Amino acid sequence: MGAFTAALGGLDALIFTGGIGENSKDVRERVLKGLAYMGIEIDEDKNKSRGKEVIVSKPGAGVTAMVVPTNEELMIARETLELASN
């Protein structure tokens, strides 16, 4: 994260997605607490959410952290259809 943030010149938002990112409040909490120096402040109550789109950083935090659910099966099906159509 540090290398990517440095290469980008900062961070506007950090998005958690996929099975672990969507569903593990503990993983999000450990990651975000380790990145507090970047201006990320975790909202403990919002971080309890599972599988739905939610901003888990506190209002006014220097970096917005959020959860964005994915539909991985749908994406695999779409890519498979594209490959099969070509």
C-alpha atoms as a PDB file:
ATOM      1  CA  MET A   1       0.000   0.000   0.000  1.00  0.00           C
ATOM      2  CA  GLY A   2       2.779   2.407   0.854  1.00  0.00           C
ATOM      3  CA  ALA A   3       4.510   1.933  -2.491  1.00  0.00           C
ATOM      4  CA  PHE A   4       1.282   2.324  -4.462  1.00  0.00           C
ATOM      5  CA  THR A   5       0.319   5.412  -2.488  1.00  0.00           C
ATOM      6  CA  ALA A   6       3.740   6.962  -3.042  1.00  0.00           C
ATOM      7  CA  ALA A   7       3.626   6.164  -6.772  1.00  0.00           C
ATOM      8  CA  LEU A   8       0.175   7.744  -7.037  1.00  0.00           C
ATOM      9  CA  GLY A   9       1.160  10.805  -5.026  1.00  0.00           C
ATOM     10  CA  GLY A  10      -1.464  10.122  -2.373  1.00  0.00           C
ATOM     11  CA  LEU A  11      -4.696   8.278  -1.897  1.00  0.00           C
ATOM     12  CA  ASP A  12      -8.266   9.528  -2.288  1.00  0.00           C
ATOM     13  CA  ALA A  13     -10.073   6.291  -1.492  1.00  0.00           C
ATOM     14  CA  LEU A  14      -9.414   2.711  -0.465  1.00  0.00           C
ATOM     15  CA  ILE A  15     -11.952   0.154  -1.660  1.00  0.00           C
ATOM     16  CA  PHE A  16     -12.535  -3.266  -0.117  1.00  0.00           C
ATOM     17  CA  THR A  17     -14.202  -5.794  -2.395  1.00  0.00           C
ATOM     18  CA  GLY A  18     -14.379  -9.526  -3.038  1.00  0.00           C
ATOM     19  CA  GLY A  19     -15.161 -12.168  -0.439  1.00  0.00           C
ATOM     20  CA  ILE A  20     -12.786 -11.072   2.299  1.00  0.00           C
ATOM     21  CA  GLY A  21     -13.039  -7.334   1.675  1.00  0.00           C
ATOM     22  CA  GLU A  22     -16.835  -7.436   1.657  1.00  0.00           C
ATOM     23  CA  ASN A  23     -17.337  -9.727   4.599  1.00  0.00           C
ATOM     24  CA  SER A  24     -14.454  -9.524   7.074  1.00  0.00           C
ATOM     25  CA  LYS A  25     -14.716  -6.580   9.432  1.00  0.00           C
ATOM     26  CA  ASP A  26     -11.594  -7.839  11.210  1.00  0.00           C
ATOM     27  CA  VAL A  27      -9.443  -7.729   8.066  1.00  0.00           C
ATOM     28  CA  ARG A  28     -10.717  -4.253   7.178  1.00  0.00           C
ATOM     29  CA  GLU A  29     -10.059  -3.055  10.717  1.00  0.00           C
ATOM     30  CA  ARG A  30      -6.468  -4.372  10.755  1.00  0.00           C
ATOM     31  CA  VAL A  31      -5.715  -2.867   7.338  1.00  0.00           C
ATOM     32  CA  LEU A  32      -7.242   0.507   8.140  1.00  0.00           C
ATOM     33  CA  LYS A  33      -5.638   0.826  11.569  1.00  0.00           C
ATOM     34  CA  GLY A  34      -2.280   0.120   9.928  1.00  0.00           C
ATOM     35  CA  LEU A  35      -2.921   2.942   7.463  1.00  0.00           C
ATOM     36  CA  ALA A  36      -4.069   5.563   9.985  1.00  0.00           C
ATOM     37  CA  TYR A  37      -0.998   7.649   9.127  1.00  0.00           C
ATOM     38  CA  MET A  38      -2.586   8.236   5.686  1.00  0.00           C
ATOM     39  CA  GLY A  39      -5.559   9.982   7.248  1.00  0.00           C
ATOM     40  CA  ILE A  40      -7.885   6.983   7.306  1.00  0.00           C
ATOM     41  CA  GLU A  41     -10.161   6.894  10.333  1.00  0.00           C
ATOM     42  CA  ILE A  42     -12.379   3.841  10.739  1.00  0.00           C
ATOM     43  CA  ASP A  43     -15.995   4.068  11.862  1.00  0.00           C
ATOM     44  CA  GLU A  44     -16.293   0.968  14.048  1.00  0.00           C
ATOM     45  CA  ASP A  45     -20.098   0.738  13.735  1.00  0.00           C
ATOM     46  CA  LYS A  46     -20.189   1.074   9.938  1.00  0.00           C
ATOM     47  CA  ASN A  47     -17.342  -1.433   9.640  1.00  0.00           C
ATOM     48  CA  LYS A  48     -19.610  -4.125  11.135  1.00  0.00           C
ATOM     49  CA  SER A  49     -21.504  -4.214   7.822  1.00  0.00           C
ATOM     50  CA  ARG A  50     -21.282  -7.332   5.633  1.00  0.00           C
ATOM     51  CA  GLY A  51     -21.816  -7.629   1.888  1.00  0.00           C
ATOM     52  CA  LYS A  52     -23.294  -4.207   1.203  1.00  0.00           C
ATOM     53  CA  GLU A  53     -21.917  -0.955  -0.137  1.00  0.00           C
ATOM     54  CA  VAL A  54     -20.926   1.280   2.736  1.00  0.00           C
ATOM     55  CA  ILE A  55     -18.355   3.919   3.614  1.00  0.00           C
ATOM     56  CA  VAL A  56     -16.451   2.568   6.624  1.00  0.00           C
ATOM     57  CA  SER A  57     -14.292   5.634   7.260  1.00  0.00           C
ATOM     58  CA  LYS A  58     -15.403   8.460   9.502  1.00  0.00           C
ATOM     59  CA  PRO A  59     -16.882  11.573   7.879  1.00  0.00           C
ATOM     60  CA  GLY A  60     -14.138  14.065   7.117  1.00  0.00           C
ATOM     61  CA  ALA A  61     -11.346  11.464   7.144  1.00  0.00           C
ATOM     62  CA  GLY A  62      -8.420  12.330   4.898  1.00  0.00           C
ATOM     63  CA  VAL A  63      -8.987   9.145   2.878  1.00  0.00           C
ATOM     64  CA  THR A  64     -12.378   7.539   2.222  1.00  0.00           C
ATOM     65  CA  ALA A  65     -12.526   3.814   2.887  1.00  0.00           C
ATOM     66  CA  MET A  66     -15.470   1.872   1.579  1.00  0.00           C
ATOM     67  CA  VAL A  67     -16.833  -1.567   0.840  1.00  0.00           C
ATOM     68  CA  VAL A  68     -18.104  -2.260  -2.692  1.00  0.00           C
ATOM     69  CA  PRO A  69     -19.669  -5.700  -3.224  1.00  0.00           C
ATOM     70  CA  THR A  70     -18.873  -7.582  -6.397  1.00  0.00           C
ATOM     71  CA  ASN A  71     -20.690 -10.241  -8.333  1.00  0.00           C
ATOM     72  CA  GLU A  72     -17.694 -12.341  -9.324  1.00  0.00           C
ATOM     73  CA  GLU A  73     -19.797 -15.087 -10.896  1.00  0.00           C
ATOM     74  CA  LEU A  74     -21.477 -12.567 -13.209  1.00  0.00           C
ATOM     75  CA  MET A  75     -18.120 -11.151 -14.288  1.00  0.00           C
ATOM     76  CA  ILE A  76     -16.765 -14.640 -15.029  1.00  0.00           C
ATOM     77  CA  ALA A  77     -19.886 -15.442 -17.056  1.00  0.00           C
ATOM     78  CA  ARG A  78     -19.612 -12.201 -19.058  1.00  0.00           C
ATOM     79  CA  GLU A  79     -15.928 -12.756 -19.836  1.00  0.00           C
ATOM     80  CA  THR A  80     -16.592 -16.367 -20.789  1.00  0.00           C
ATOM     81  CA  LEU A  81     -19.385 -15.286 -23.142  1.00  0.00           C
ATOM     82  CA  GLU A  82     -17.094 -12.687 -24.720  1.00  0.00           C
ATOM     83  CA  LEU A  83     -14.334 -15.238 -25.260  1.00  0.00           C
ATOM     84  CA  ALA A  84     -16.761 -17.815 -26.668  1.00  0.00           C
ATOM     85  CA  SER A  85     -18.292 -15.225 -29.023  1.00  0.00           C
ATOM     86  CA  ASN A  86     -14.933 -14.363 -30.547  1.00  0.00           C
END
